[in-house]
Amino acid sequence: MKSFSAIVRMVGVGTLLAIAGSVAAQQAYPNKPIRFITPYPAGGSTSVLARVIGQKLTDSWGQQVLVDSRGGGNTIIGTEAMAKSPPDGYTISMVDPHIVVNPGLYAKLPYDSVKDIVPVATLISYENFLVLHPSVPANNLRELIALAKSKPGQLNYASSGVTMQLRSELFNILAGTKIEHIPYKGGGPAITDLLGGQVHMSFAVPTNVIGHVKNGKLKGIAVSGKSRLSVLPQVPTFTEAGLPGYNVASWYGVVAPAGVPKEIIGKLSAEIAKILAMPDVKEKLDSLGFQPFISTADEFAALMKAETVKYAKIIKTANVKIED
């Protein structure tokens, strides 16, 4: 029978070997290219963000990060591709609030948003930007609300996806208005029709409309959040404009298939945080109307849980249904 001290030595050696193996695995990663799925159509703000983060990861680790655009199905197609990939850290995906909205909209998804996906880190946050076509006879939020109430159902808004629709419907709930929803499959087509006057207004990602507001092709009415955009300081926040309850900042983050070793998740999360703190990255994000949003994997998981509850309430209150 082995002595107690011998058993202790064996346990100690086993523990040290496990720790050494874990450290070796972490140090070895990555040793081949990483696929970075974006579950949105190519082009637009998501492609820009993916390229910025992907290039910095490539620079840091010496392994190419390949951006793979898999748009469609309210991000379901790209998210499924990620969730069903090997859990080795070589396939990751960008996500936005669709990841927490879709479970409240679809009776069945091809993946489980909790069991099949592990959060890695948040990337950026951005505010909701309300813009109008110049033909709309309103120059501030109070005038717009008064106009919408005087003409229920006659004004409309363009939405580029279900999350933008929910933020627009939250505005209807809070303002007591009835502005009609006109769905689009992407931000590009939505803004094109808004610029052409086919629709009256939109709650948009700032980077998609900043230039149009600057050159006078659209009217900037209000931006969500606690402070104004530095690139458009003349546009007030919703609180300043008279609707303090409208607070719907959004975000992008990175997730991986469930089962990826914690050491790899930690390495990815730490490297992303380092990238977001780089001055040139912060400057680039600011020019797009984005703010760096640094978090740990656990903090991102808590955010996703809270957002799932929030959007489920909006879906129920506004009776939002998926349109084929």
C-alpha atoms as a PDB file:
ATOM      1  CA  MET A   1       0.000   0.000   0.000  1.00  0.00           C
ATOM      2  CA  LYS A   2       1.377   3.380  -0.996  1.00  0.00           C
ATOM      3  CA  SER A   3       2.287   5.760   1.808  1.00  0.00           C
ATOM      4  CA  PHE A   4       0.323   8.979   2.285  1.00  0.00           C
ATOM      5  CA  SER A   5       3.329  11.057   1.230  1.00  0.00           C
ATOM      6  CA  ALA A   6       3.675   9.023  -1.952  1.00  0.00           C
ATOM      7  CA  ILE A   7       0.002   9.576  -2.792  1.00  0.00           C
ATOM      8  CA  VAL A   8       0.417  13.292  -2.166  1.00  0.00           C
ATOM      9  CA  ARG A   9       3.428  13.320  -4.476  1.00  0.00           C
ATOM     10  CA  MET A  10       1.443  11.507  -7.178  1.00  0.00           C
ATOM     11  CA  VAL A  11      -1.476  13.910  -6.872  1.00  0.00           C
ATOM     12  CA  GLY A  12       0.921  16.819  -6.976  1.00  0.00           C
ATOM     13  CA  VAL A  13       2.624  15.516 -10.086  1.00  0.00           C
ATOM     14  CA  GLY A  14      -0.774  14.902 -11.716  1.00  0.00           C
ATOM     15  CA  THR A  15      -1.898  18.420 -10.921  1.00  0.00           C
ATOM     16  CA  LEU A  16       1.311  19.914 -12.244  1.00  0.00           C
ATOM     17  CA  LEU A  17       1.013  17.891 -15.436  1.00  0.00           C
ATOM     18  CA  ALA A  18      -2.587  19.062 -15.902  1.00  0.00           C
ATOM     19  CA  ILE A  19      -1.557  22.683 -15.372  1.00  0.00           C
ATOM     20  CA  ALA A  20       1.381  22.287 -17.719  1.00  0.00           C
ATOM     21  CA  GLY A  21      -0.836  20.720 -20.353  1.00  0.00           C
ATOM     22  CA  SER A  22      -3.342  23.558 -20.015  1.00  0.00           C
ATOM     23  CA  VAL A  23      -0.620  26.194 -20.325  1.00  0.00           C
ATOM     24  CA  ALA A  24       0.894  24.402 -23.326  1.00  0.00           C
ATOM     25  CA  ALA A  25      -2.473  24.275 -25.066  1.00  0.00           C
ATOM     26  CA  GLN A  26      -2.972  27.977 -24.440  1.00  0.00           C
ATOM     27  CA  GLN A  27       0.502  28.854 -25.701  1.00  0.00           C
ATOM     28  CA  ALA A  28       0.078  26.686 -28.798  1.00  0.00           C
ATOM     29  CA  TYR A  29      -3.137  28.435 -29.808  1.00  0.00           C
ATOM     30  CA  PRO A  30      -3.431  29.574 -32.518  1.00  0.00           C
ATOM     31  CA  ASN A  31      -1.230  27.535 -34.817  1.00  0.00           C
ATOM     32  CA  LYS A  32      -3.408  27.764 -37.945  1.00  0.00           C
ATOM     33  CA  PRO A  33      -5.800  30.282 -39.553  1.00  0.00           C
ATOM     34  CA  ILE A  34      -8.968  31.304 -37.687  1.00  0.00           C
ATOM     35  CA  ARG A  35     -12.347  31.635 -39.414  1.00  0.00           C
ATOM     36  CA  PHE A  36     -14.249  34.713 -38.244  1.00  0.00           C
ATOM     37  CA  ILE A  37     -17.876  34.366 -39.326  1.00  0.00           C
ATOM     38  CA  THR A  38     -20.031  37.463 -39.669  1.00  0.00           C
ATOM     39  CA  PRO A  39     -23.703  36.402 -39.954  1.00  0.00           C
ATOM     40  CA  TYR A  40     -24.579  39.437 -42.078  1.00  0.00           C
ATOM     41  CA  PRO A  41     -24.325  40.317 -45.774  1.00  0.00           C
ATOM     42  CA  ALA A  42     -20.894  41.486 -46.915  1.00  0.00           C
ATOM     43  CA  GLY A  43     -20.348  45.236 -46.764  1.00  0.00           C
ATOM     44  CA  GLY A  44     -21.459  47.797 -44.234  1.00  0.00           C
ATOM     45  CA  SER A  45     -20.352  48.429 -40.686  1.00  0.00           C
ATOM     46  CA  THR A  46     -20.074  44.775 -39.662  1.00  0.00           C
ATOM     47  CA  SER A  47     -17.565  44.019 -42.418  1.00  0.00           C
ATOM     48  CA  VAL A  48     -15.487  47.043 -41.438  1.00  0.00           C
ATOM     49  CA  LEU A  49     -15.479  46.005 -37.780  1.00  0.00           C
ATOM     50  CA  ALA A  50     -14.605  42.384 -38.594  1.00  0.00           C
ATOM     51  CA  ARG A  51     -11.690  43.461 -40.777  1.00  0.00           C
ATOM     52  CA  VAL A  52     -10.332  45.795 -38.092  1.00  0.00           C
ATOM     53  CA  ILE A  53     -10.448  43.145 -35.359  1.00  0.00           C
ATOM     54  CA  GLY A  54      -9.359  40.335 -37.673  1.00  0.00           C
ATOM     55  CA  GLN A  55      -6.304  42.220 -38.936  1.00  0.00           C
ATOM     56  CA  LYS A  56      -5.191  43.092 -35.409  1.00  0.00           C
ATOM     57  CA  LEU A  57      -5.523  39.453 -34.321  1.00  0.00           C
ATOM     58  CA  THR A  58      -3.467  38.459 -37.374  1.00  0.00           C
ATOM     59  CA  ASP A  59      -0.805  41.016 -36.472  1.00  0.00           C
ATOM     60  CA  SER A  60      -0.684  39.839 -32.847  1.00  0.00           C
ATOM     61  CA  TRP A  61      -0.630  36.095 -33.412  1.00  0.00           C
ATOM     62  CA  GLY A  62       0.904  35.668 -36.849  1.00  0.00           C
ATOM     63  CA  GLN A  63      -2.009  33.545 -38.006  1.00  0.00           C
ATOM     64  CA  GLN A  64      -4.435  34.785 -40.644  1.00  0.00           C
ATOM     65  CA  VAL A  65      -7.972  35.574 -39.532  1.00  0.00           C
ATOM     66  CA  LEU A  66     -10.330  34.941 -42.447  1.00  0.00           C
ATOM     67  CA  VAL A  67     -13.581  36.954 -42.425  1.00  0.00           C
ATOM     68  CA  ASP A  68     -16.434  34.758 -43.679  1.00  0.00           C
ATOM     69  CA  SER A  69     -19.715  36.586 -44.416  1.00  0.00           C
ATOM     70  CA  ARG A  70     -22.703  34.257 -43.929  1.00  0.00           C
ATOM     71  CA  GLY A  71     -25.731  36.550 -44.092  1.00  0.00           C
ATOM     72  CA  GLY A  72     -29.365  35.526 -44.022  1.00  0.00           C
ATOM     73  CA  GLY A  73     -32.168  34.370 -41.778  1.00  0.00           C
ATOM     74  CA  ASN A  74     -31.847  37.168 -39.193  1.00  0.00           C
ATOM     75  CA  THR A  75     -28.250  35.951 -38.549  1.00  0.00           C
ATOM     76  CA  ILE A  76     -29.427  32.340 -38.029  1.00  0.00           C
ATOM     77  CA  ILE A  77     -27.489  30.932 -41.008  1.00  0.00           C
ATOM     78  CA  GLY A  78     -24.101  32.248 -39.922  1.00  0.00           C
ATOM     79  CA  THR A  79     -24.695  31.541 -36.235  1.00  0.00           C
ATOM     80  CA  GLU A  80     -25.635  27.927 -37.009  1.00  0.00           C
ATOM     81  CA  ALA A  81     -22.447  27.500 -39.053  1.00  0.00           C
ATOM     82  CA  MET A  82     -20.415  28.672 -36.072  1.00  0.00           C
ATOM     83  CA  ALA A  83     -22.342  26.668 -33.447  1.00  0.00           C
ATOM     84  CA  LYS A  84     -21.878  23.416 -35.395  1.00  0.00           C
ATOM     85  CA  SER A  85     -18.140  23.930 -35.990  1.00  0.00           C
ATOM     86  CA  PRO A  86     -15.497  21.989 -34.039  1.00  0.00           C
ATOM     87  CA  PRO A  87     -15.033  23.533 -30.563  1.00  0.00           C
ATOM     88  CA  ASP A  88     -11.312  24.161 -31.002  1.00  0.00           C
ATOM     89  CA  GLY A  89     -11.202  27.965 -31.118  1.00  0.00           C
ATOM     90  CA  TYR A  90     -10.568  28.123 -34.871  1.00  0.00           C
ATOM     91  CA  THR A  91     -14.104  29.192 -35.719  1.00  0.00           C
ATOM     92  CA  ILE A  92     -15.580  32.234 -33.986  1.00  0.00           C
ATOM     93  CA  SER A  93     -18.466  34.493 -34.905  1.00  0.00           C
ATOM     94  CA  MET A  94     -19.535  38.066 -34.531  1.00  0.00           C
ATOM     95  CA  VAL A  95     -22.986  38.529 -33.007  1.00  0.00           C
ATOM     96  CA  ASP A  96     -25.361  41.381 -32.245  1.00  0.00           C
ATOM     97  CA  PRO A  97     -28.681  41.438 -30.333  1.00  0.00           C
ATOM     98  CA  HIS A  98     -30.203  39.006 -32.853  1.00  0.00           C
ATOM     99  CA  ILE A  99     -28.540  36.303 -30.767  1.00  0.00           C
ATOM    100  CA  VAL A 100     -30.812  37.189 -27.831  1.00  0.00           C
ATOM    101  CA  VAL A 101     -33.852  38.278 -29.866  1.00  0.00           C
ATOM    102  CA  ASN A 102     -34.267  35.210 -32.059  1.00  0.00           C
ATOM    103  CA  PRO A 103     -35.188  32.803 -29.227  1.00  0.00           C
ATOM    104  CA  GLY A 104     -38.235  34.998 -28.515  1.00  0.00           C
ATOM    105  CA  LEU A 105     -39.310  35.090 -32.173  1.00  0.00           C
ATOM    106  CA  TYR A 106     -38.784  31.554 -33.406  1.00  0.00           C
ATOM    107  CA  ALA A 107     -40.427  28.477 -31.926  1.00  0.00           C
ATOM    108  CA  LYS A 108     -37.434  26.425 -33.057  1.00  0.00           C
ATOM    109  CA  LEU A 109     -33.860  27.341 -33.946  1.00  0.00           C
ATOM    110  CA  PRO A 110     -31.199  25.030 -35.457  1.00  0.00           C
ATOM    111  CA  TYR A 111     -29.038  25.671 -32.379  1.00  0.00           C
ATOM    112  CA  ASP A 112     -29.557  26.340 -28.687  1.00  0.00           C
ATOM    113  CA  SER A 113     -28.536  29.924 -27.877  1.00  0.00           C
ATOM    114  CA  VAL A 114     -27.439  28.902 -24.382  1.00  0.00           C
ATOM    115  CA  LYS A 115     -26.158  25.330 -24.669  1.00  0.00           C
ATOM    116  CA  ASP A 116     -24.434  25.506 -28.079  1.00  0.00           C
ATOM    117  CA  ILE A 117     -22.737  28.910 -27.814  1.00  0.00           C
ATOM    118  CA  VAL A 118     -20.175  30.339 -25.425  1.00  0.00           C
ATOM    119  CA  PRO A 119     -19.619  34.140 -25.140  1.00  0.00           C
ATOM    120  CA  VAL A 120     -16.048  35.336 -25.668  1.00  0.00           C
ATOM    121  CA  ALA A 121     -16.099  39.149 -25.438  1.00  0.00           C
ATOM    122  CA  THR A 122     -18.007  42.238 -26.444  1.00  0.00           C
ATOM    123  CA  LEU A 123     -16.500  44.411 -29.184  1.00  0.00           C
ATOM    124  CA  ILE A 124     -18.333  47.705 -29.475  1.00  0.00           C
ATOM    125  CA  SER A 125     -21.485  49.473 -28.453  1.00  0.00           C
ATOM    126  CA  TYR A 126     -23.403  51.975 -30.506  1.00  0.00           C
ATOM    127  CA  GLU A 127     -26.441  54.154 -30.077  1.00  0.00           C
ATOM    128  CA  ASN A 128     -29.719  54.150 -31.971  1.00  0.00           C
ATOM    129  CA  PHE A 129     -29.867  57.142 -34.324  1.00  0.00           C
ATOM    130  CA  LEU A 130     -33.239  58.515 -35.455  1.00  0.00           C
ATOM    131  CA  VAL A 131     -33.090  60.191 -38.867  1.00  0.00           C
ATOM    132  CA  LEU A 132     -35.802  61.674 -41.111  1.00  0.00           C
ATOM    133  CA  HIS A 133     -36.116  62.397 -44.789  1.00  0.00           C
ATOM    134  CA  PRO A 134     -35.979  66.220 -45.300  1.00  0.00           C
ATOM    135  CA  SER A 135     -39.567  66.214 -46.638  1.00  0.00           C
ATOM    136  CA  VAL A 136     -40.978  65.259 -43.226  1.00  0.00           C
ATOM    137  CA  PRO A 137     -42.250  68.514 -41.653  1.00  0.00           C
ATOM    138  CA  ALA A 138     -40.580  68.035 -38.275  1.00  0.00           C
ATOM    139  CA  ASN A 139     -37.243  69.373 -37.104  1.00  0.00           C
ATOM    140  CA  ASN A 140     -37.045  67.935 -33.619  1.00  0.00           C
ATOM    141  CA  LEU A 141     -38.401  65.014 -31.611  1.00  0.00           C
ATOM    142  CA  ARG A 142     -41.376  66.817 -30.088  1.00  0.00           C
ATOM    143  CA  GLU A 143     -42.516  67.999 -33.511  1.00  0.00           C
ATOM    144  CA  LEU A 144     -42.151  64.475 -34.907  1.00  0.00           C
ATOM    145  CA  ILE A 145     -44.202  62.912 -32.097  1.00  0.00           C
ATOM    146  CA  ALA A 146     -46.918  65.556 -32.497  1.00  0.00           C
ATOM    147  CA  LEU A 147     -46.989  64.963 -36.255  1.00  0.00           C
ATOM    148  CA  ALA A 148     -47.186  61.171 -35.847  1.00  0.00           C
ATOM    149  CA  LYS A 149     -50.037  61.477 -33.333  1.00  0.00           C
ATOM    150  CA  SER A 150     -51.962  63.760 -35.665  1.00  0.00           C
ATOM    151  CA  LYS A 151     -51.575  61.276 -38.530  1.00  0.00           C
ATOM    152  CA  PRO A 152     -51.692  57.769 -37.013  1.00  0.00           C
ATOM    153  CA  GLY A 153     -50.458  55.145 -39.456  1.00  0.00           C
ATOM    154  CA  GLN A 154     -49.519  57.673 -42.128  1.00  0.00           C
ATOM    155  CA  LEU A 155     -45.833  57.945 -41.250  1.00  0.00           C
ATOM    156  CA  ASN A 156     -43.572  54.952 -41.724  1.00  0.00           C
ATOM    157  CA  TYR A 157     -40.116  53.805 -40.722  1.00  0.00           C
ATOM    158  CA  ALA A 158     -37.578  51.556 -42.435  1.00  0.00           C
ATOM    159  CA  SER A 159     -35.982  48.788 -40.398  1.00  0.00           C
ATOM    160  CA  SER A 160     -32.995  46.701 -41.432  1.00  0.00           C
ATOM    161  CA  GLY A 161     -33.689  43.594 -39.407  1.00  0.00           C
ATOM    162  CA  VAL A 162     -35.800  42.545 -36.484  1.00  0.00           C
ATOM    163  CA  THR A 163     -33.670  44.188 -33.785  1.00  0.00           C
ATOM    164  CA  MET A 164     -34.093  47.575 -35.444  1.00  0.00           C
ATOM    165  CA  GLN A 165     -37.809  46.868 -35.716  1.00  0.00           C
ATOM    166  CA  LEU A 166     -37.994  46.181 -31.983  1.00  0.00           C
ATOM    167  CA  ARG A 167     -36.174  49.413 -31.157  1.00  0.00           C
ATOM    168  CA  SER A 168     -38.575  51.273 -33.435  1.00  0.00           C
ATOM    169  CA  GLU A 169     -41.576  49.621 -31.809  1.00  0.00           C
ATOM    170  CA  LEU A 170     -40.218  50.584 -28.393  1.00  0.00           C
ATOM    171  CA  PHE A 171     -40.324  54.180 -29.624  1.00  0.00           C
ATOM    172  CA  ASN A 172     -43.994  53.719 -30.611  1.00  0.00           C
ATOM    173  CA  ILE A 173     -44.760  52.321 -27.148  1.00  0.00           C
ATOM    174  CA  LEU A 174     -43.007  55.108 -25.248  1.00  0.00           C
ATOM    175  CA  ALA A 175     -44.137  57.995 -27.480  1.00  0.00           C
ATOM    176  CA  GLY A 176     -47.717  56.747 -27.903  1.00  0.00           C
ATOM    177  CA  THR A 177     -47.423  56.847 -31.689  1.00  0.00           C
ATOM    178  CA  LYS A 178     -48.423  54.469 -34.478  1.00  0.00           C
ATOM    179  CA  ILE A 179     -45.706  54.645 -37.113  1.00  0.00           C
ATOM    180  CA  GLU A 180     -45.907  51.926 -39.766  1.00  0.00           C
ATOM    181  CA  HIS A 181     -43.142  49.362 -40.156  1.00  0.00           C
ATOM    182  CA  ILE A 182     -41.526  48.888 -43.580  1.00  0.00           C
ATOM    183  CA  PRO A 183     -39.093  45.940 -43.420  1.00  0.00           C
ATOM    184  CA  TYR A 184     -35.830  45.716 -45.381  1.00  0.00           C
ATOM    185  CA  LYS A 185     -33.260  42.943 -45.636  1.00  0.00           C
ATOM    186  CA  GLY A 186     -30.301  45.185 -44.930  1.00  0.00           C
ATOM    187  CA  GLY A 187     -29.179  48.634 -43.878  1.00  0.00           C
ATOM    188  CA  GLY A 188     -28.068  49.558 -47.410  1.00  0.00           C
ATOM    189  CA  PRO A 189     -31.470  49.123 -49.100  1.00  0.00           C
ATOM    190  CA  ALA A 190     -33.245  50.761 -46.153  1.00  0.00           C
ATOM    191  CA  ILE A 191     -31.093  53.888 -46.269  1.00  0.00           C
ATOM    192  CA  THR A 192     -31.289  54.026 -50.080  1.00  0.00           C
ATOM    193  CA  ASP A 193     -35.082  54.190 -49.935  1.00  0.00           C
ATOM    194  CA  LEU A 194     -34.968  56.676 -47.073  1.00  0.00           C
ATOM    195  CA  LEU A 195     -32.687  58.952 -49.094  1.00  0.00           C
ATOM    196  CA  GLY A 196     -35.066  58.628 -52.039  1.00  0.00           C
ATOM    197  CA  GLY A 197     -38.083  59.563 -49.942  1.00  0.00           C
ATOM    198  CA  GLN A 198     -39.817  56.179 -50.287  1.00  0.00           C
ATOM    199  CA  VAL A 199     -39.918  55.985 -46.468  1.00  0.00           C
ATOM    200  CA  HIS A 200     -40.092  58.776 -43.905  1.00  0.00           C
ATOM    201  CA  MET A 201     -37.666  57.786 -41.168  1.00  0.00           C
ATOM    202  CA  SER A 202     -35.375  55.152 -39.733  1.00  0.00           C
ATOM    203  CA  PHE A 203     -33.715  54.139 -36.486  1.00  0.00           C
ATOM    204  CA  ALA A 204     -30.262  53.438 -37.865  1.00  0.00           C
ATOM    205  CA  VAL A 205     -26.742  52.394 -36.981  1.00  0.00           C
ATOM    206  CA  PRO A 206     -24.883  55.734 -36.790  1.00  0.00           C
ATOM    207  CA  THR A 207     -22.132  54.785 -39.234  1.00  0.00           C
ATOM    208  CA  ASN A 208     -24.741  54.193 -41.956  1.00  0.00           C
ATOM    209  CA  VAL A 209     -26.171  57.717 -41.803  1.00  0.00           C
ATOM    210  CA  ILE A 210     -23.566  60.072 -40.313  1.00  0.00           C
ATOM    211  CA  GLY A 211     -22.343  61.235 -43.732  1.00  0.00           C
ATOM    212  CA  HIS A 212     -25.895  61.820 -44.996  1.00  0.00           C
ATOM    213  CA  VAL A 213     -26.744  63.952 -41.955  1.00  0.00           C
ATOM    214  CA  LYS A 214     -23.554  65.970 -42.390  1.00  0.00           C
ATOM    215  CA  ASN A 215     -24.337  66.758 -46.041  1.00  0.00           C
ATOM    216  CA  GLY A 216     -27.993  67.576 -45.343  1.00  0.00           C
ATOM    217  CA  LYS A 217     -29.559  64.629 -47.162  1.00  0.00           C
ATOM    218  CA  LEU A 218     -31.126  63.414 -43.897  1.00  0.00           C
ATOM    219  CA  LYS A 219     -32.210  65.167 -40.716  1.00  0.00           C
ATOM    220  CA  GLY A 220     -30.669  63.927 -37.485  1.00  0.00           C
ATOM    221  CA  ILE A 221     -33.338  64.076 -34.763  1.00  0.00           C
ATOM    222  CA  ALA A 222     -31.999  62.222 -31.697  1.00  0.00           C
ATOM    223  CA  VAL A 223     -29.516  59.627 -30.530  1.00  0.00           C
ATOM    224  CA  SER A 224     -29.949  57.169 -27.673  1.00  0.00           C
ATOM    225  CA  GLY A 225     -27.492  56.993 -24.793  1.00  0.00           C
ATOM    226  CA  LYS A 226     -26.205  59.382 -22.167  1.00  0.00           C
ATOM    227  CA  SER A 227     -24.157  61.631 -24.454  1.00  0.00           C
ATOM    228  CA  ARG A 228     -24.189  63.016 -27.979  1.00  0.00           C
ATOM    229  CA  LEU A 229     -22.077  61.582 -30.778  1.00  0.00           C
ATOM    230  CA  SER A 230     -18.722  63.330 -30.992  1.00  0.00           C
ATOM    231  CA  VAL A 231     -18.963  63.360 -34.802  1.00  0.00           C
ATOM    232  CA  LEU A 232     -22.435  65.011 -34.711  1.00  0.00           C
ATOM    233  CA  PRO A 233     -22.513  67.095 -31.533  1.00  0.00           C
ATOM    234  CA  GLN A 234     -25.513  69.142 -32.719  1.00  0.00           C
ATOM    235  CA  VAL A 235     -27.881  66.137 -32.514  1.00  0.00           C
ATOM    236  CA  PRO A 236     -29.412  65.820 -29.016  1.00  0.00           C
ATOM    237  CA  THR A 237     -29.937  62.636 -27.041  1.00  0.00           C
ATOM    238  CA  PHE A 238     -33.482  61.289 -26.678  1.00  0.00           C
ATOM    239  CA  THR A 239     -33.430  62.424 -23.046  1.00  0.00           C
ATOM    240  CA  GLU A 240     -32.485  65.967 -24.041  1.00  0.00           C
ATOM    241  CA  ALA A 241     -35.080  65.903 -26.823  1.00  0.00           C
ATOM    242  CA  GLY A 242     -37.915  64.913 -24.477  1.00  0.00           C
ATOM    243  CA  LEU A 243     -38.128  61.090 -24.408  1.00  0.00           C
ATOM    244  CA  PRO A 244     -35.917  59.999 -21.486  1.00  0.00           C
ATOM    245  CA  GLY A 245     -37.124  56.386 -21.396  1.00  0.00           C
ATOM    246  CA  TYR A 246     -35.735  55.563 -24.831  1.00  0.00           C
ATOM    247  CA  ASN A 247     -32.377  53.978 -23.963  1.00  0.00           C
ATOM    248  CA  VAL A 248     -31.436  51.248 -26.425  1.00  0.00           C
ATOM    249  CA  ALA A 249     -27.712  51.160 -26.990  1.00  0.00           C
ATOM    250  CA  SER A 250     -26.700  48.108 -28.993  1.00  0.00           C
ATOM    251  CA  TRP A 251     -23.555  46.039 -29.256  1.00  0.00           C
ATOM    252  CA  TYR A 252     -21.509  43.570 -31.224  1.00  0.00           C
ATOM    253  CA  GLY A 253     -19.602  40.726 -29.631  1.00  0.00           C
ATOM    254  CA  VAL A 254     -17.728  37.520 -30.353  1.00  0.00           C
ATOM    255  CA  VAL A 255     -18.915  34.008 -29.532  1.00  0.00           C
ATOM    256  CA  ALA A 256     -17.580  30.498 -30.103  1.00  0.00           C
ATOM    257  CA  PRO A 257     -19.000  26.971 -30.169  1.00  0.00           C
ATOM    258  CA  ALA A 258     -19.679  25.488 -26.745  1.00  0.00           C
ATOM    259  CA  GLY A 259     -16.855  23.226 -25.642  1.00  0.00           C
ATOM    260  CA  VAL A 260     -13.948  25.462 -26.614  1.00  0.00           C
ATOM    261  CA  PRO A 261     -11.381  25.152 -23.793  1.00  0.00           C
ATOM    262  CA  LYS A 262     -11.590  27.925 -21.201  1.00  0.00           C
ATOM    263  CA  GLU A 263      -7.918  28.724 -21.724  1.00  0.00           C
ATOM    264  CA  ILE A 264      -8.560  29.542 -25.376  1.00  0.00           C
ATOM    265  CA  ILE A 265     -11.667  31.581 -24.559  1.00  0.00           C
ATOM    266  CA  GLY A 266      -9.606  33.523 -22.029  1.00  0.00           C
ATOM    267  CA  LYS A 267      -6.790  34.120 -24.517  1.00  0.00           C
ATOM    268  CA  LEU A 268      -9.212  35.357 -27.174  1.00  0.00           C
ATOM    269  CA  SER A 269     -11.023  37.604 -24.704  1.00  0.00           C
ATOM    270  CA  ALA A 270      -7.807  39.137 -23.375  1.00  0.00           C
ATOM    271  CA  GLU A 271      -6.431  39.779 -26.868  1.00  0.00           C
ATOM    272  CA  ILE A 272      -9.673  41.423 -28.020  1.00  0.00           C
ATOM    273  CA  ALA A 273      -9.618  43.682 -24.955  1.00  0.00           C
ATOM    274  CA  LYS A 274      -6.038  44.674 -25.790  1.00  0.00           C
ATOM    275  CA  ILE A 275      -7.009  45.459 -29.395  1.00  0.00           C
ATOM    276  CA  LEU A 276      -9.996  47.604 -28.377  1.00  0.00           C
ATOM    277  CA  ALA A 277      -7.706  49.714 -26.168  1.00  0.00           C
ATOM    278  CA  MET A 278      -5.332  50.558 -29.048  1.00  0.00           C
ATOM    279  CA  PRO A 279      -5.461  54.295 -29.941  1.00  0.00           C
ATOM    280  CA  ASP A 280      -5.751  53.705 -33.713  1.00  0.00           C
ATOM    281  CA  VAL A 281      -8.601  51.219 -33.199  1.00  0.00           C
ATOM    282  CA  LYS A 282     -10.434  53.610 -30.868  1.00  0.00           C
ATOM    283  CA  GLU A 283     -10.032  56.405 -33.425  1.00  0.00           C
ATOM    284  CA  LYS A 284     -11.381  54.206 -36.226  1.00  0.00           C
ATOM    285  CA  LEU A 285     -14.379  53.105 -34.152  1.00  0.00           C
ATOM    286  CA  ASP A 286     -15.160  56.691 -33.139  1.00  0.00           C
ATOM    287  CA  SER A 287     -15.253  57.759 -36.791  1.00  0.00           C
ATOM    288  CA  LEU A 288     -17.928  55.082 -37.344  1.00  0.00           C
ATOM    289  CA  GLY A 289     -20.020  56.192 -34.384  1.00  0.00           C
ATOM    290  CA  PHE A 290     -18.921  53.166 -32.338  1.00  0.00           C
ATOM    291  CA  GLN A 291     -17.477  52.958 -28.846  1.00  0.00           C
ATOM    292  CA  PRO A 292     -15.075  50.224 -27.681  1.00  0.00           C
ATOM    293  CA  PHE A 293     -16.925  47.895 -25.309  1.00  0.00           C
ATOM    294  CA  ILE A 294     -14.502  45.784 -23.285  1.00  0.00           C
ATOM    295  CA  SER A 295     -15.777  42.882 -21.196  1.00  0.00           C
ATOM    296  CA  THR A 296     -14.845  39.455 -19.924  1.00  0.00           C
ATOM    297  CA  ALA A 297     -16.584  36.327 -21.171  1.00  0.00           C
ATOM    298  CA  ASP A 298     -18.606  36.141 -17.926  1.00  0.00           C
ATOM    299  CA  GLU A 299     -19.690  39.778 -18.213  1.00  0.00           C
ATOM    300  CA  PHE A 300     -20.796  39.213 -21.799  1.00  0.00           C
ATOM    301  CA  ALA A 301     -22.785  36.148 -20.707  1.00  0.00           C
ATOM    302  CA  ALA A 302     -24.596  38.249 -18.072  1.00  0.00           C
ATOM    303  CA  LEU A 303     -25.383  40.927 -20.664  1.00  0.00           C
ATOM    304  CA  MET A 304     -26.840  38.373 -23.069  1.00  0.00           C
ATOM    305  CA  LYS A 305     -29.040  36.941 -20.320  1.00  0.00           C
ATOM    306  CA  ALA A 306     -30.406  40.387 -19.373  1.00  0.00           C
ATOM    307  CA  GLU A 307     -30.963  41.393 -23.010  1.00  0.00           C
ATOM    308  CA  THR A 308     -32.902  38.180 -23.690  1.00  0.00           C
ATOM    309  CA  VAL A 309     -35.408  39.168 -21.000  1.00  0.00           C
ATOM    310  CA  LYS A 310     -35.622  42.797 -22.199  1.00  0.00           C
ATOM    311  CA  TYR A 311     -36.329  41.997 -25.835  1.00  0.00           C
ATOM    312  CA  ALA A 312     -38.794  39.234 -24.974  1.00  0.00           C
ATOM    313  CA  LYS A 313     -40.900  41.878 -23.187  1.00  0.00           C
ATOM    314  CA  ILE A 314     -40.812  44.219 -26.213  1.00  0.00           C
ATOM    315  CA  ILE A 315     -41.764  41.359 -28.559  1.00  0.00           C
ATOM    316  CA  LYS A 316     -44.749  40.504 -26.384  1.00  0.00           C
ATOM    317  CA  THR A 317     -45.914  44.102 -25.823  1.00  0.00           C
ATOM    318  CA  ALA A 318     -45.610  45.100 -29.504  1.00  0.00           C
ATOM    319  CA  ASN A 319     -46.908  41.711 -30.704  1.00  0.00           C
ATOM    320  CA  VAL A 320     -44.043  41.453 -33.167  1.00  0.00           C
ATOM    321  CA  LYS A 321     -44.245  38.566 -35.628  1.00  0.00           C
ATOM    322  CA  ILE A 322     -41.697  37.296 -38.127  1.00  0.00           C
ATOM    323  CA  GLU A 323     -42.657  38.258 -41.686  1.00  0.00           C
ATOM    324  CA  ASP A 324     -41.740  35.810 -44.441  1.00  0.00           C
END
